[in-house]
Protein backbone atom coordinates (compact mmCIF):
# COMPACT_ATOMS: atom_id res chain seq x y z
CA MET A 1 -10.10 33.65 -71.32
CA CYS A 2 -9.49 37.33 -71.68
CA GLY A 3 -6.03 38.90 -71.59
CA ILE A 4 -5.08 41.62 -69.08
CA ILE A 5 -1.90 43.76 -68.95
CA GLY A 6 -0.81 46.61 -66.82
CA TYR A 7 2.32 48.79 -66.67
CA THR A 8 3.92 51.32 -64.42
CA GLY A 9 7.40 52.75 -64.77
CA LYS A 10 9.56 55.56 -66.25
CA GLN A 11 8.48 54.95 -69.98
CA LYS A 12 5.23 55.98 -71.85
CA ALA A 13 2.88 53.22 -71.10
CA SER A 14 0.71 53.02 -74.13
CA PRO A 15 3.37 51.65 -76.58
CA ILE A 16 4.29 48.99 -74.14
CA LEU A 17 0.58 48.08 -73.40
CA LEU A 18 -0.19 48.00 -77.16
CA ALA A 19 2.81 45.66 -77.98
CA SER A 20 1.93 43.50 -74.93
CA LEU A 21 -1.75 43.43 -75.81
CA LYS A 22 -0.93 42.03 -79.31
CA ARG A 23 0.81 39.11 -77.52
CA LEU A 24 -2.25 38.53 -75.61
CA GLU A 25 -4.77 38.54 -78.56
CA TYR A 26 -4.83 34.80 -78.74
CA ARG A 27 -6.64 34.89 -75.40
CA GLY A 28 -9.57 36.96 -76.85
CA TYR A 29 -10.16 39.29 -79.87
CA ASP A 30 -13.82 40.16 -79.78
CA SER A 31 -12.86 43.79 -78.57
CA CYS A 32 -10.09 45.55 -76.69
CA GLY A 33 -9.29 48.69 -74.64
CA MET A 34 -6.72 50.60 -72.82
CA ALA A 35 -6.79 53.14 -69.91
CA SER A 36 -3.95 55.38 -68.86
CA LEU A 37 -3.46 58.16 -66.35
CA ASN A 38 -2.58 61.35 -68.24
CA GLY A 39 -0.58 64.50 -66.89
CA ASN A 40 -3.76 66.10 -65.80
CA ASN A 41 -4.46 63.31 -63.34
CA ILE A 42 -7.28 62.01 -65.41
CA ILE A 43 -8.05 58.48 -66.43
CA VAL A 44 -8.45 58.52 -70.20
CA VAL A 45 -9.96 55.36 -71.78
CA ARG A 46 -9.97 54.08 -75.43
CA LYS A 47 -11.75 51.13 -76.65
CA GLY A 48 -13.71 49.36 -79.47
CA THR A 49 -14.65 46.19 -80.96
CA GLY A 50 -12.60 43.90 -83.36
CA ARG A 51 -8.87 42.93 -83.48
CA ILE A 52 -6.50 45.15 -81.80
CA GLU A 53 -5.00 46.68 -85.08
CA ARG A 54 -8.51 47.68 -86.26
CA VAL A 55 -9.33 49.21 -82.88
CA ASN A 56 -6.06 50.93 -82.69
CA ALA A 57 -6.50 52.65 -86.19
CA LYS A 58 -9.73 54.04 -84.86
CA VAL A 59 -8.99 55.15 -81.42
CA ASP A 60 -5.28 55.58 -81.53
CA PHE A 61 -3.99 53.93 -78.24
CA LEU A 62 -0.57 55.64 -78.75
CA SER A 63 -2.22 59.14 -77.95
CA LEU A 64 -2.42 58.11 -74.42
CA THR A 65 0.59 59.76 -72.80
CA GLY A 66 0.70 58.60 -69.34
CA LYS A 67 3.29 56.34 -67.66
CA VAL A 68 0.92 54.05 -66.00
CA GLY A 69 -2.00 52.09 -67.54
CA ILE A 70 -4.02 49.05 -68.06
CA ALA A 71 -5.34 47.18 -71.13
CA HIS A 72 -7.57 44.23 -72.07
CA THR A 73 -8.47 42.15 -74.89
CA ARG A 74 -11.81 40.32 -74.64
CA TRP A 75 -13.45 36.99 -75.25
CA ALA A 76 -17.05 37.53 -74.73
CA THR A 77 -18.89 35.66 -71.89
CA HIS A 78 -21.50 38.05 -70.39
CA GLY A 79 -22.76 40.78 -72.84
CA ASN A 80 -22.71 41.02 -76.60
CA VAL A 81 -19.56 42.13 -78.56
CA THR A 82 -20.02 45.99 -78.45
CA MET A 83 -17.98 49.00 -77.69
CA GLU A 84 -19.85 49.51 -74.59
CA ASN A 85 -19.03 46.06 -73.33
CA ALA A 86 -15.38 46.30 -74.07
CA HIS A 87 -13.01 46.91 -71.05
CA PRO A 88 -11.73 48.90 -69.15
CA PHE A 89 -14.68 50.09 -67.10
CA THR A 90 -14.71 53.10 -64.95
CA SER A 91 -16.39 53.97 -61.47
CA CYS A 92 -19.05 56.68 -61.39
CA ASP A 93 -16.81 59.23 -59.80
CA GLY A 94 -14.02 58.50 -62.46
CA GLU A 95 -11.54 57.54 -59.60
CA TYR A 96 -10.86 54.06 -60.81
CA ALA A 97 -10.61 52.02 -64.08
CA LEU A 98 -10.71 48.31 -64.19
CA VAL A 99 -10.01 45.37 -66.44
CA HIS A 100 -11.10 41.70 -65.66
CA ASN A 101 -10.40 38.14 -66.48
CA GLY A 102 -12.92 35.55 -65.39
CA ILE A 103 -16.71 35.28 -64.68
CA LEU A 104 -18.41 36.96 -61.87
CA GLU A 105 -21.12 34.50 -60.86
CA ASN A 106 -23.55 36.66 -58.80
CA TYR A 107 -23.24 39.84 -60.75
CA VAL A 108 -26.98 40.06 -61.23
CA GLU A 109 -27.76 40.43 -57.54
CA LEU A 110 -24.69 42.69 -56.85
CA LYS A 111 -25.64 44.90 -59.78
CA ARG A 112 -29.23 45.23 -58.61
CA GLN A 113 -28.01 46.29 -55.30
CA LEU A 114 -25.64 48.73 -56.67
CA VAL A 115 -28.22 50.32 -58.98
CA GLU A 116 -30.41 50.81 -55.96
CA LYS A 117 -27.62 52.78 -54.33
CA GLY A 118 -27.35 55.01 -57.35
CA HIS A 119 -24.59 53.51 -59.45
CA HIS A 120 -24.97 54.04 -63.15
CA PHE A 121 -23.90 51.13 -65.64
CA THR A 122 -22.88 51.57 -69.22
CA SER A 123 -22.57 47.89 -70.12
CA THR A 124 -24.34 44.63 -69.84
CA THR A 125 -21.10 42.76 -68.60
CA ASP A 126 -20.41 41.09 -65.32
CA THR A 127 -17.19 42.81 -65.05
CA GLU A 128 -18.46 46.41 -64.65
CA VAL A 129 -19.95 45.41 -61.27
CA LEU A 130 -16.46 45.05 -59.83
CA VAL A 131 -15.42 48.60 -60.27
CA HIS A 132 -18.73 49.92 -58.88
CA LEU A 133 -18.53 47.45 -55.89
CA ILE A 134 -15.15 48.71 -55.10
CA GLU A 135 -16.20 52.29 -55.48
CA GLU A 136 -19.20 51.59 -53.15
CA ASN A 137 -16.98 49.69 -50.61
CA MET A 138 -14.54 52.72 -50.40
CA LYS A 139 -17.46 54.71 -48.85
CA GLN A 140 -17.25 52.86 -45.62
CA ALA A 141 -13.71 51.32 -45.76
CA LYS A 142 -11.87 54.62 -46.66
CA ASP A 143 -8.97 52.35 -47.47
CA ILE A 144 -8.59 50.74 -50.90
CA ILE A 145 -7.03 47.44 -49.52
CA LYS A 146 -9.94 46.95 -47.15
CA ALA A 147 -12.40 47.77 -50.04
CA ILE A 148 -10.84 45.28 -52.34
CA LYS A 149 -10.79 42.63 -49.58
CA GLU A 150 -14.59 43.35 -48.96
CA THR A 151 -15.29 43.04 -52.66
CA SER A 152 -13.45 39.70 -52.73
CA GLU A 153 -15.67 38.36 -50.09
CA GLN A 154 -18.88 39.60 -51.71
CA ALA A 155 -18.13 38.51 -55.27
CA LYS A 156 -18.32 34.85 -56.40
CA GLY A 157 -16.52 33.11 -59.32
CA ALA A 158 -13.33 33.98 -61.02
CA PHE A 159 -12.41 37.58 -60.95
CA THR A 160 -8.64 38.32 -61.49
CA PHE A 161 -8.45 42.12 -62.13
CA LEU A 162 -6.30 45.20 -62.32
CA LEU A 163 -7.51 48.39 -60.97
CA LEU A 164 -5.98 51.76 -61.71
CA SER A 165 -6.43 54.52 -59.16
CA LYS A 166 -6.50 58.18 -60.23
CA LYS A 167 -5.67 59.43 -56.94
CA SER A 168 -2.54 57.41 -56.10
CA GLY A 169 -1.45 56.48 -59.63
CA ASP A 170 -1.18 52.82 -58.41
CA ILE A 171 -2.24 49.65 -60.09
CA TYR A 172 -3.94 47.12 -57.82
CA CYS A 173 -3.49 43.66 -59.01
CA PHE A 174 -5.99 41.03 -57.39
CA ARG A 175 -5.92 37.30 -58.43
CA LYS A 176 -8.99 34.98 -57.87
CA ASP A 177 -9.11 31.79 -59.95
CA SER A 178 -7.44 33.20 -63.14
CA PRO A 179 -3.76 33.44 -63.62
CA LEU A 180 -1.85 36.68 -62.81
CA ILE A 181 1.86 37.26 -63.12
CA ILE A 182 3.85 40.33 -62.01
CA GLY A 183 6.85 41.17 -64.42
CA VAL A 184 9.70 42.79 -62.53
CA GLY A 185 11.82 45.00 -64.84
CA GLU A 186 14.36 47.82 -64.22
CA ASN A 187 12.41 50.61 -62.37
CA GLU A 188 9.19 49.23 -63.99
CA PHE A 189 6.44 46.67 -63.38
CA PHE A 190 4.15 44.62 -65.52
CA ALA A 191 0.94 42.75 -64.51
CA SER A 192 -0.41 40.15 -66.92
CA SER A 193 -2.51 37.07 -67.40
CA ASP A 194 0.28 35.63 -69.43
CA MET A 195 4.08 36.02 -69.04
CA THR A 196 4.61 36.09 -72.89
CA SER A 197 3.04 39.45 -73.01
CA PHE A 198 6.14 41.22 -71.24
CA LEU A 199 9.05 38.73 -72.16
CA GLU A 200 10.37 41.64 -74.48
CA TYR A 201 10.80 43.76 -71.49
CA THR A 202 11.76 41.30 -68.57
CA ASN A 203 12.18 37.61 -67.87
CA LYS A 204 11.79 38.10 -64.02
CA ALA A 205 8.34 37.37 -62.56
CA ILE A 206 6.24 36.92 -59.54
CA ILE A 207 3.30 34.52 -59.77
CA LEU A 208 0.46 35.40 -57.44
CA GLU A 209 -1.69 32.97 -55.69
CA ASN A 210 -5.52 33.24 -55.08
CA TYR A 211 -6.56 36.23 -52.78
CA GLU A 212 -3.13 37.98 -53.14
CA LEU A 213 -3.02 41.48 -54.14
CA ALA A 214 -0.03 43.28 -55.59
CA ILE A 215 0.20 47.16 -55.46
CA LEU A 216 2.40 48.59 -58.27
CA ASN A 217 4.10 51.86 -58.06
CA ASP A 218 7.84 52.68 -57.57
CA GLU A 219 7.88 49.30 -55.84
CA CYS A 220 5.74 46.05 -55.68
CA THR A 221 4.07 45.46 -52.38
CA ILE A 222 2.06 42.12 -52.01
CA TYR A 223 -0.56 41.33 -49.60
CA ASP A 224 -2.19 38.07 -48.61
CA LEU A 225 -5.78 39.23 -48.31
CA ALA A 226 -7.04 36.02 -46.62
CA ALA A 227 -4.41 36.22 -43.99
CA GLY A 228 -4.61 40.14 -43.72
CA LYS A 229 -0.91 40.73 -43.99
CA GLU A 230 2.02 41.87 -46.35
CA ILE A 231 4.04 39.02 -47.62
CA LYS A 232 7.19 38.60 -49.41
CA LYS A 233 7.18 36.45 -52.66
CA GLU A 234 10.08 34.82 -54.71
CA ILE A 235 11.12 36.35 -57.95
CA SER A 236 11.33 33.61 -60.62
CA THR A 237 13.38 33.64 -63.87
CA ILE A 238 11.33 32.69 -66.90
CA ASP A 239 13.34 30.42 -69.34
CA TRP A 240 11.27 31.42 -72.39
CA THR A 241 12.53 34.21 -74.75
CA ALA A 242 10.56 36.87 -76.49
CA GLU A 243 11.95 35.63 -79.88
CA GLN A 244 10.09 32.23 -79.21
CA ALA A 245 6.73 34.17 -79.13
CA THR A 246 7.34 35.66 -82.49
CA LYS A 247 6.31 34.30 -86.09
CA ASP A 248 10.03 34.26 -86.85
CA GLY A 249 9.11 34.65 -90.81
CA TYR A 250 6.31 32.17 -90.81
CA PRO A 251 2.88 33.50 -92.07
CA HIS A 252 1.11 32.15 -88.90
CA PHE A 253 1.97 31.00 -85.56
CA MET A 254 0.31 27.70 -86.11
CA LEU A 255 2.44 26.77 -89.12
CA LYS A 256 5.68 27.84 -87.19
CA GLU A 257 4.62 25.65 -84.25
CA ILE A 258 4.01 22.60 -86.40
CA PHE A 259 7.38 23.09 -88.05
CA GLU A 260 9.04 23.44 -84.51
CA GLU A 261 7.59 20.01 -83.45
CA ALA A 262 10.58 17.86 -84.23
CA GLU A 263 13.00 20.06 -82.16
CA VAL A 264 10.53 20.60 -79.35
CA SER A 265 9.76 16.78 -79.20
CA LYS A 266 13.57 16.14 -78.45
CA GLN A 267 13.18 18.72 -75.52
CA ALA A 268 10.01 16.87 -74.38
CA LEU A 269 11.79 13.65 -73.99
CA ASP A 270 14.66 15.36 -72.19
CA GLN A 271 13.17 14.89 -68.55
CA ASP A 272 14.80 14.89 -65.35
CA PRO A 273 15.53 11.12 -64.79
CA ALA A 274 14.91 11.47 -60.97
CA LYS A 275 11.54 13.32 -61.49
CA LEU A 276 10.55 10.66 -64.09
CA ALA A 277 11.45 7.82 -61.79
CA GLU A 278 9.64 9.33 -58.92
CA LEU A 279 6.33 9.63 -61.02
CA VAL A 280 6.61 6.10 -62.39
CA THR A 281 6.92 4.92 -58.76
CA LEU A 282 3.82 6.81 -57.78
CA LEU A 283 1.82 5.49 -60.79
CA THR A 284 2.90 1.89 -60.24
CA GLN A 285 1.92 2.00 -56.61
CA ALA A 286 -1.47 3.65 -57.16
CA LYS A 287 -4.63 1.42 -56.98
CA ASN A 288 -6.22 3.59 -59.71
CA VAL A 289 -5.00 6.24 -62.04
CA TYR A 290 -7.28 8.68 -64.00
CA PHE A 291 -6.23 10.96 -66.77
CA LEU A 292 -7.95 14.31 -66.84
CA GLY A 293 -8.11 16.85 -69.81
CA SER A 294 -10.14 18.92 -71.92
CA GLY A 295 -10.20 19.58 -75.71
CA THR A 296 -6.83 18.66 -77.38
CA SER A 297 -5.30 17.59 -74.09
CA TYR A 298 -8.14 15.03 -73.52
CA ARG A 299 -7.34 13.47 -76.94
CA ALA A 300 -3.73 13.13 -75.47
CA CYS A 301 -5.27 11.35 -72.46
CA LEU A 302 -7.17 8.96 -74.85
CA ILE A 303 -4.04 8.03 -76.69
CA ALA A 304 -2.04 7.51 -73.57
CA SER A 305 -4.71 5.31 -71.99
CA ILE A 306 -4.39 2.90 -74.84
CA TYR A 307 -0.53 2.75 -74.63
CA PHE A 308 -0.89 2.19 -71.03
CA ALA A 309 -3.19 -0.60 -71.61
CA LYS A 310 -1.12 -2.19 -74.40
CA LEU A 311 2.28 -1.88 -72.60
CA CYS A 312 1.39 -2.10 -68.96
CA HIS A 313 -1.82 -3.96 -68.84
CA ARG A 314 -2.94 -1.02 -66.75
CA ASN A 315 -6.46 0.77 -66.88
CA PHE A 316 -5.71 4.51 -66.77
CA MET A 317 -9.06 5.78 -67.56
CA PRO A 318 -9.36 9.23 -69.35
CA ILE A 319 -11.94 11.66 -68.12
CA LEU A 320 -13.12 14.71 -69.92
CA GLY A 321 -12.64 17.87 -67.74
CA SER A 322 -16.11 19.16 -67.95
CA GLU A 323 -17.49 15.79 -67.08
CA PHE A 324 -15.35 15.14 -63.95
CA LYS A 325 -18.15 15.58 -61.50
CA THR A 326 -19.90 12.30 -63.04
CA TYR A 327 -16.94 10.38 -61.90
CA GLN A 328 -16.03 12.06 -58.65
CA ASN A 329 -17.17 9.07 -56.51
CA LEU A 330 -14.30 6.98 -57.97
CA PHE A 331 -11.69 9.07 -56.07
CA ASP A 332 -10.19 8.22 -52.81
CA ASN A 333 -6.75 8.13 -51.12
CA GLU A 334 -5.57 5.37 -53.06
CA THR A 335 -6.12 7.15 -56.36
CA VAL A 336 -4.05 9.42 -58.48
CA LEU A 337 -5.41 11.99 -60.79
CA PHE A 338 -3.20 12.87 -63.70
CA ALA A 339 -4.05 16.34 -65.00
CA ILE A 340 -2.94 17.11 -68.72
CA SER A 341 -3.09 20.97 -69.77
CA GLN A 342 -0.90 22.99 -71.93
CA SER A 343 -1.67 26.24 -70.12
CA GLY A 344 -1.83 24.77 -66.69
CA GLU A 345 -4.89 27.05 -66.13
CA THR A 346 -7.85 24.93 -67.63
CA ALA A 347 -10.72 25.85 -65.46
CA ASP A 348 -12.66 22.64 -65.67
CA VAL A 349 -9.56 20.57 -65.06
CA LEU A 350 -8.66 22.76 -62.02
CA GLU A 351 -12.24 22.12 -60.69
CA GLY A 352 -11.66 18.50 -61.04
CA ILE A 353 -8.27 18.70 -59.12
CA LYS A 354 -10.07 20.44 -56.34
CA ILE A 355 -12.68 17.83 -55.87
CA ALA A 356 -10.15 15.00 -56.23
CA LYS A 357 -7.96 16.46 -53.49
CA SER A 358 -10.95 16.90 -51.23
CA LYS A 359 -11.45 13.20 -51.53
CA GLY A 360 -7.69 12.42 -50.55
CA ALA A 361 -6.50 11.61 -54.17
CA LYS A 362 -2.95 12.57 -55.18
CA VAL A 363 -2.52 14.92 -58.15
CA VAL A 364 0.21 14.85 -60.67
CA SER A 365 0.30 16.83 -63.89
CA LEU A 366 1.75 17.43 -67.26
CA VAL A 367 1.92 21.14 -68.21
CA ASN A 368 3.65 23.55 -70.41
CA VAL A 369 3.67 26.81 -68.35
CA MET A 370 6.05 26.74 -65.34
CA GLY A 371 4.50 28.22 -62.31
CA SER A 372 0.88 27.56 -63.67
CA THR A 373 -1.97 26.82 -61.16
CA ILE A 374 -2.28 23.20 -62.13
CA MET A 375 1.51 22.77 -61.70
CA ARG A 376 1.33 24.24 -58.18
CA GLU A 377 -1.57 22.15 -57.20
CA SER A 378 0.24 18.92 -57.97
CA GLU A 379 2.30 16.80 -55.81
CA GLN A 380 4.58 15.92 -58.90
CA PHE A 381 4.64 17.20 -62.36
CA LEU A 382 6.50 17.07 -65.70
CA THR A 383 6.67 19.90 -67.98
CA LEU A 384 6.45 19.83 -71.88
CA ASN A 385 9.32 22.05 -72.66
CA ALA A 386 7.62 23.20 -75.62
CA GLY A 387 8.09 27.00 -75.18
CA PRO A 388 5.36 29.48 -75.69
CA GLU A 389 2.51 28.19 -77.87
CA ILE A 390 0.54 31.23 -79.26
CA ALA A 391 -1.80 29.79 -81.97
CA VAL A 392 -5.19 28.88 -80.35
CA ALA A 393 -5.05 25.47 -82.04
CA SER A 394 -2.48 23.47 -80.00
CA THR A 395 0.08 21.59 -82.16
CA LYS A 396 3.52 21.24 -80.65
CA ALA A 397 2.16 21.15 -77.05
CA PHE A 398 -0.23 18.16 -77.96
CA THR A 399 2.60 16.28 -79.89
CA SER A 400 4.85 16.84 -76.67
CA GLN A 401 1.89 15.58 -74.44
CA VAL A 402 1.63 12.37 -76.35
CA LEU A 403 5.36 11.70 -76.53
CA ILE A 404 5.85 12.20 -72.78
CA LEU A 405 2.92 10.16 -71.91
CA VAL A 406 3.82 7.23 -74.17
CA MET A 407 7.36 7.49 -72.78
CA LEU A 408 5.87 7.18 -69.31
CA ALA A 409 3.97 3.97 -70.40
CA TYR A 410 7.23 2.51 -71.54
CA ALA A 411 8.94 3.35 -68.38
CA LEU A 412 6.19 1.86 -66.30
CA ASN A 413 6.81 -1.38 -68.39
CA ASN A 414 10.70 -1.28 -67.57
CA GLN A 415 11.22 -0.54 -71.26
CA LEU A 416 12.36 3.18 -70.98
CA ALA A 417 15.40 2.85 -73.20
CA GLU A 418 13.36 0.88 -75.91
CA GLY A 419 10.60 3.38 -75.61
CA LYS A 420 13.02 6.37 -76.14
CA GLU A 421 14.47 4.64 -79.29
CA HIS A 422 11.03 4.19 -80.62
CA LEU A 423 10.06 7.79 -79.95
CA ASN A 424 13.17 9.09 -81.49
CA GLU A 425 12.17 7.18 -84.73
CA VAL A 426 8.92 9.15 -84.53
CA ILE A 427 10.80 12.52 -84.13
CA PHE A 428 12.97 11.82 -87.11
CA GLN A 429 9.75 11.13 -89.19
CA PHE A 430 8.43 14.56 -88.08
CA GLU A 431 11.24 16.36 -89.94
CA ILE A 432 10.32 14.40 -93.11
CA ILE A 433 6.79 15.07 -92.95
CA MET A 434 7.50 18.89 -92.92
CA LYS A 435 8.86 18.54 -96.27
CA GLN A 436 5.43 17.19 -97.35
CA SER A 437 3.62 20.42 -96.65
CA ASP A 438 3.31 21.60 -100.15
CA PHE A 439 2.10 18.20 -101.27
CA ILE A 440 -0.42 18.21 -98.40
CA LYS A 441 -1.52 21.68 -99.33
CA GLU A 442 -2.36 20.68 -102.95
CA LEU A 443 -4.16 17.45 -101.91
CA SER A 444 -6.23 19.64 -99.49
CA LYS A 445 -7.10 21.98 -102.40
CA GLU A 446 -8.16 19.19 -104.58
CA VAL A 447 -9.87 16.74 -102.37
CA LEU A 448 -10.58 17.80 -98.88
CA ASN A 449 -11.89 21.45 -99.21
CA LYS A 450 -15.44 20.36 -98.85
CA GLN A 451 -18.35 21.00 -96.26
CA ASN A 452 -18.06 17.46 -94.77
CA LEU A 453 -15.09 15.21 -94.00
CA PHE A 454 -14.91 11.85 -92.32
CA LEU A 455 -11.88 10.43 -90.51
CA ILE A 456 -11.61 6.66 -89.43
CA GLY A 457 -9.05 4.76 -87.47
CA ARG A 458 -8.81 1.95 -84.98
CA GLY A 459 -6.86 1.45 -82.02
CA VAL A 460 -4.48 4.37 -81.21
CA ALA A 461 -5.36 5.75 -84.70
CA PHE A 462 -8.93 6.46 -83.58
CA PRO A 463 -8.15 9.08 -81.00
CA VAL A 464 -5.37 10.51 -83.44
CA ALA A 465 -8.35 10.83 -85.90
CA MET A 466 -10.40 12.63 -83.27
CA GLU A 467 -7.53 15.04 -82.84
CA GLY A 468 -7.58 15.65 -86.55
CA GLU A 469 -11.30 16.13 -86.51
CA LEU A 470 -10.87 18.74 -83.75
CA LYS A 471 -8.35 20.60 -85.51
CA ILE A 472 -10.16 20.71 -88.96
CA LYS A 473 -13.47 21.94 -87.20
CA GLU A 474 -11.50 24.42 -84.98
CA ILE A 475 -9.67 26.46 -87.77
CA ALA A 476 -11.14 25.27 -91.19
CA TYR A 477 -14.77 25.47 -90.02
CA ILE A 478 -15.50 22.26 -91.73
CA HIS A 479 -17.88 19.73 -90.42
CA ALA A 480 -15.62 16.86 -89.61
CA ASP A 481 -16.36 13.45 -87.95
CA ALA A 482 -13.93 11.08 -86.58
CA LEU A 483 -15.09 7.47 -85.66
CA ALA A 484 -13.69 4.08 -85.12
CA GLY A 485 -13.59 2.03 -88.22
CA GLY A 486 -15.96 -0.60 -86.90
CA GLU A 487 -18.67 1.97 -86.02
CA LEU A 488 -19.20 2.80 -89.93
CA LYS A 489 -21.87 0.16 -90.32
CA HIS A 490 -23.74 1.36 -87.06
CA HIS A 491 -24.45 4.74 -88.35
CA THR A 492 -22.17 6.75 -90.55
CA LEU A 493 -22.45 4.45 -93.64
CA ALA A 494 -25.76 6.32 -94.01
CA LEU A 495 -23.92 9.53 -94.92
CA ILE A 496 -21.49 8.03 -97.41
CA GLU A 497 -22.36 8.61 -101.01
CA PRO A 498 -20.41 9.23 -104.18
CA GLY A 499 -17.72 11.95 -103.79
CA VAL A 500 -17.71 12.03 -100.01
CA SER A 501 -14.07 12.38 -98.80
CA CYS A 502 -12.87 10.13 -95.99
CA ILE A 503 -9.27 10.25 -94.38
CA ALA A 504 -8.35 6.69 -93.45
CA LEU A 505 -5.66 6.12 -91.06
CA VAL A 506 -3.96 2.72 -91.69
CA PRO A 507 -0.94 2.14 -89.56
CA ASN A 508 0.86 -1.26 -90.05
CA ASP A 509 -0.42 -2.89 -86.85
CA GLU A 510 -2.95 -5.23 -85.68
CA THR A 511 -5.85 -2.90 -86.86
CA LYS A 512 -4.67 -2.90 -90.57
CA ASP A 513 -6.73 -5.72 -91.94
CA ASP A 514 -9.97 -4.46 -90.23
CA MET A 515 -9.36 -1.11 -91.53
CA ILE A 516 -9.05 -2.40 -95.07
CA ASN A 517 -12.55 -3.92 -94.66
CA ASN A 518 -13.90 -0.75 -93.35
CA ILE A 519 -12.47 1.21 -96.33
CA MET A 520 -14.10 -1.26 -98.76
CA GLN A 521 -17.38 -0.42 -97.15
CA ILE A 522 -16.89 3.24 -98.03
CA LYS A 523 -15.52 2.56 -101.55
CA ALA A 524 -18.63 0.36 -102.19
CA ARG A 525 -20.78 3.49 -101.77
CA GLY A 526 -18.69 5.77 -103.82
CA GLY A 527 -16.64 7.37 -101.04
CA ILE A 528 -13.22 9.00 -101.92
CA ILE A 529 -10.39 7.45 -99.67
CA ILE A 530 -7.32 9.53 -98.66
CA GLY A 531 -5.08 6.90 -97.24
CA ILE A 532 -2.40 7.67 -94.60
CA SER A 533 -0.21 4.45 -94.36
CA SER A 534 3.19 3.10 -94.73
CA GLU A 535 1.95 0.77 -97.58
CA LYS A 536 0.29 2.30 -100.68
CA LEU A 537 -2.85 0.22 -101.17
CA ASP A 538 -4.80 -0.05 -104.37
CA ILE A 539 -7.88 0.89 -102.58
CA PHE A 540 -6.65 4.44 -101.80
CA ASP A 541 -7.80 7.11 -104.27
CA HIS A 542 -5.09 9.34 -102.78
CA TYR A 543 -2.12 8.48 -100.66
CA ILE A 544 0.01 10.18 -98.02
CA PRO A 545 3.03 8.02 -97.12
CA LEU A 546 4.35 6.99 -93.67
CA ALA A 547 7.48 5.27 -92.79
CA LYS A 548 7.26 2.00 -91.15
CA VAL A 549 8.23 2.64 -87.52
CA ALA A 550 7.08 1.02 -84.17
CA LEU A 551 4.69 4.10 -83.26
CA GLU A 552 3.19 4.79 -86.72
CA PRO A 553 -0.10 6.27 -85.30
CA ILE A 554 1.81 9.08 -83.68
CA VAL A 555 3.63 10.00 -86.93
CA ILE A 556 0.19 10.69 -88.45
CA ILE A 557 -0.41 13.68 -85.98
CA PRO A 558 1.46 16.43 -87.76
CA ILE A 559 -0.01 15.30 -91.05
CA LEU A 560 -3.47 15.95 -89.86
CA GLN A 561 -2.34 19.33 -88.34
CA LEU A 562 -0.87 20.28 -91.72
CA ILE A 563 -4.17 19.27 -93.41
CA ALA A 564 -6.18 21.39 -91.08
CA TYR A 565 -3.82 24.43 -91.52
CA HIS A 566 -3.90 24.38 -95.31
CA LEU A 567 -7.76 23.87 -95.27
CA SER A 568 -7.95 26.98 -92.98
CA ILE A 569 -5.92 29.08 -95.47
CA LEU A 570 -7.74 27.81 -98.60
CA ARG A 571 -10.99 28.89 -96.83
CA GLY A 572 -9.72 32.21 -96.15
CA ASN A 573 -9.58 31.85 -92.38
CA ASP A 574 -6.94 33.11 -89.80
CA PRO A 575 -5.71 29.70 -88.23
CA ASP A 576 -4.29 31.57 -85.37
CA PHE A 577 -7.35 33.12 -84.22
CA PRO A 578 -10.56 30.76 -84.98
CA ARG A 579 -13.83 32.42 -84.62
CA ASN A 580 -15.52 32.10 -81.08
CA LEU A 581 -12.47 30.29 -79.59
CA ALA A 582 -9.79 31.31 -77.26
CA LYS A 583 -6.41 29.73 -76.14
CA SER A 584 -6.62 29.34 -72.45
CA VAL A 585 -10.18 28.24 -71.22
CA THR A 586 -9.89 29.73 -67.67
CA VAL A 587 -13.69 29.97 -67.18
CA LEU A 588 -16.14 27.24 -66.68
């Protein structure tokens, strides 16, 4: 989940690396660092703990003068958040500096062996082992490509890294189980875990596969280490722009991305008819279909499974990414695994895909990032068309996931035209909800800014409530609990007492009467009800209005996102960078 960036070209590297590093900060913001090759042919390292701006104020990254360099922003896995554990790390002889994204699973044993051979370690991270292991392997190999290949065979886990060589001035870019993209500019090259980091400079990119090594200098040379040969790779054009990855006047990326939902949702529904029809055919013919997602994407799977049951009478079971192994025996060559991931790099989803494919299952996916690993591992795929999503808390991508999956459910039931009509009604309501942001802010201040919140819903509104709970916990740091309304009497009523706030999702559907009964149970014990509904009921203490549309529960999604956002701001948090979390979960 860390962010890595490398640059080589005709310009001073440090300003480019610093600007790129800031765009990667959503991938990790515990610590950061930079290494550059200066004019005296010495690798100079600057690093520290905290957000990038804070570290830069202390160490002055821009004082690095070289035209080649690497940088890193960290989300701690192995080793505490300290200056010593910040990347980059250097070899004992000072020949190499390295930054890494992933987890090295067998680092303890490798480190023991290296210490016995005289290597000195300065950190408690797994990453530092890699640079010393390459240094050690060079003693025998005498060739850096052979040394990296040997390292790749000795190391276990995810170890995508950038290695800067003092002697050659080259950057060696190796991928294993974490994303790595080469940006191709005019007489310059970039290497990064995320294409948004270099979009200001180029929209041309080469996407590396596992066990591929790119060597960057005046040109880009790529080797397939598994095959032991040099290869040619296609240069792709990225259709995102640098402007899309800016705040564009908004105080936070999250608010901007919520306000983009209406426009982005229109793009989400604009799918290639042939690809859509091909996917519908595959899903129709499959004996069993299982959704797979993690975090927010798993909530989209839950919502979709209900609509497929309602509209198509099909059981498309949702599986949580980290729990896939529990269900692996359900998969065979008559099964389709439908993977959902914004980044297309989610580690536990990728692990599930690997297992499913080993059992003969077909894999399809819904992703936002073109060229991502999950997309490339899929036989068929659709893209969200949401543009870059920078805030850690997913908003517009989640909404796009839900809309596309519901559209597929309609298409599977031969109601695509009717489905699009209903979904466009929802999108129109998104625009109206954005105008309620200030009202939601005041309501959050008056009623919801507490240590505990409950959200209840039934049917589709239940997983929508679950997504609201996730967002509130994720960025407001409030203990929130979402539950199906009927579950109240089984446990949560024990926690209801005078003044406890409960957000009640009451769409005008078959669940409405039962929801009213559940609300009365809370009211009878002094709870405060914030009702979200198309009808203002007397039992509501506070009311957020909805329009009466066919898919009311989906309209509630941005309301809950705005509640979470405003609660985060009221509590003095940065909603773009929630503590202990990172955007792309690329490690298990």
